[in-house]
Amino acid sequence: MMRRAILPALLLLAACDSPAKVAFQDASIALPDDPIDLPEGPGRDAVLENCTACHSPSTMLQQPKVSAEKWESIVGKMKKLYKAPVDDAAVPAIVGYMVHVQSLPEGER
């Protein structure tokens, strides 16, 4: 009786050492064009170079109005938590641009 239990247990253990049978495929997505462009302003180039790989202009322009300190925190979170490749030297320009853009009247954004 004991012999019958050992064979299935050995087969089960042997299967644990088998490599996983997983096949990965390359995939790509096509993002829709964003018809909105970022308005001119100081720091715009820093935003284009560091932020638009992940964020569309329309998404950036729809953010709630916050202080420069809050924007510094947001950019820091993007870098630290999400590993965004934001140049440290560009952070003040990004923050300044977002504060500037949020100060524009609605029709100029």
Protein backbone atom coordinates (compact mmCIF):
# COMPACT_ATOMS: atom_id res chain seq x y z
CA MET A 1 0.00 0.00 0.00
CA MET A 2 2.86 2.37 0.86
CA ARG A 3 4.52 1.68 -2.51
CA ARG A 4 1.48 2.93 -4.40
CA ALA A 5 1.64 6.30 -2.61
CA ILE A 6 5.37 6.81 -3.19
CA LEU A 7 5.33 6.67 -7.00
CA PRO A 8 2.75 9.47 -7.49
CA ALA A 9 4.57 11.58 -4.90
CA LEU A 10 7.89 11.12 -6.73
CA LEU A 11 6.30 12.01 -10.06
CA LEU A 12 4.80 15.14 -8.52
CA LEU A 13 8.15 16.19 -7.06
CA ALA A 14 9.90 15.55 -10.37
CA ALA A 15 7.45 17.87 -12.11
CA CYS A 16 8.40 20.69 -9.73
CA ASP A 17 11.91 20.81 -11.20
CA SER A 18 10.66 21.08 -14.75
CA PRO A 19 11.12 24.46 -16.40
CA ALA A 20 7.97 26.46 -16.88
CA LYS A 21 6.49 26.16 -20.34
CA VAL A 22 5.89 29.85 -21.01
CA ALA A 23 6.41 31.57 -24.32
CA PHE A 24 6.71 35.35 -24.35
CA GLN A 25 5.85 37.43 -27.38
CA ASP A 26 6.82 40.95 -28.26
CA ALA A 27 3.84 43.24 -28.30
CA SER A 28 3.35 46.84 -29.23
CA ILE A 29 0.52 49.27 -28.94
CA ALA A 30 -0.32 52.28 -31.04
CA LEU A 31 -1.48 55.26 -29.02
CA PRO A 32 -4.02 57.58 -30.61
CA ASP A 33 -2.81 60.97 -31.78
CA ASP A 34 -3.42 63.76 -29.31
CA PRO A 35 -4.72 66.76 -31.26
CA ILE A 36 -3.80 69.12 -28.42
CA ASP A 37 -0.33 70.65 -28.24
CA LEU A 38 1.35 72.09 -25.17
CA PRO A 39 1.20 75.88 -25.06
CA GLU A 40 4.41 77.89 -25.27
CA GLY A 41 6.03 78.84 -22.02
CA PRO A 42 9.24 78.62 -20.03
CA GLY A 43 10.15 74.98 -19.40
CA ARG A 44 8.07 73.58 -22.28
CA ASP A 45 11.09 71.84 -23.83
CA ALA A 46 11.86 70.10 -20.51
CA VAL A 47 8.29 68.81 -20.36
CA LEU A 48 8.41 67.62 -23.98
CA GLU A 49 11.73 65.82 -23.40
CA ASN A 50 10.89 64.24 -20.05
CA CYS A 51 7.13 63.81 -19.74
CA THR A 52 5.51 63.15 -23.11
CA ALA A 53 6.80 59.59 -23.43
CA CYS A 54 4.14 58.64 -20.88
CA HIS A 55 1.72 61.58 -20.73
CA SER A 56 -0.26 63.15 -23.55
CA PRO A 57 -0.55 66.93 -23.67
CA SER A 58 -4.30 66.75 -23.06
CA THR A 59 -3.75 64.63 -19.95
CA MET A 60 -1.14 67.04 -18.61
CA LEU A 61 -3.35 70.06 -19.27
CA GLN A 62 -6.32 68.54 -17.44
CA GLN A 63 -4.53 68.13 -14.12
CA PRO A 64 -5.94 69.97 -11.11
CA LYS A 65 -4.23 73.25 -10.23
CA VAL A 66 -1.65 72.64 -7.51
CA SER A 67 1.31 74.47 -5.99
CA ALA A 68 4.93 74.26 -7.16
CA GLU A 69 5.72 72.16 -4.09
CA LYS A 70 3.01 69.68 -5.04
CA TRP A 71 4.37 69.50 -8.62
CA GLU A 72 7.84 68.78 -7.21
CA SER A 73 6.30 65.95 -5.20
CA ILE A 74 4.44 64.62 -8.26
CA VAL A 75 7.57 64.63 -10.41
CA GLY A 76 9.50 62.99 -7.57
CA LYS A 77 6.85 60.27 -7.36
CA MET A 78 7.10 59.67 -11.12
CA LYS A 79 10.86 59.21 -10.80
CA LYS A 80 10.94 57.15 -7.62
CA LEU A 81 7.82 55.02 -7.79
CA TYR A 82 7.37 54.64 -11.54
CA LYS A 83 11.07 54.88 -12.49
CA ALA A 84 10.39 57.65 -15.00
CA PRO A 85 13.63 58.69 -16.71
CA VAL A 86 13.31 62.35 -15.75
CA ASP A 87 16.53 64.36 -15.76
CA ASP A 88 17.14 65.82 -12.27
CA ALA A 89 18.31 69.07 -13.84
CA ALA A 90 14.98 69.38 -15.70
CA VAL A 91 12.75 69.13 -12.61
CA PRO A 92 12.67 72.89 -11.81
CA ALA A 93 11.78 73.69 -15.44
CA ILE A 94 9.04 71.03 -15.50
CA VAL A 95 7.57 72.31 -12.24
CA GLY A 96 7.78 75.93 -13.43
CA TYR A 97 6.09 75.07 -16.71
CA MET A 98 3.21 73.20 -15.08
CA VAL A 99 2.61 76.06 -12.63
CA HIS A 100 2.77 78.56 -15.52
CA VAL A 101 0.36 76.59 -17.72
CA GLN A 102 -2.10 76.17 -14.89
CA SER A 103 -2.11 79.92 -14.35
CA LEU A 104 -3.24 80.53 -17.96
CA PRO A 105 -6.91 81.23 -18.66
CA GLU A 106 -8.83 78.14 -19.75
CA GLY A 107 -8.95 79.20 -23.42
CA GLU A 108 -5.16 79.58 -23.65
CA ARG A 109 -4.35 76.07 -22.45
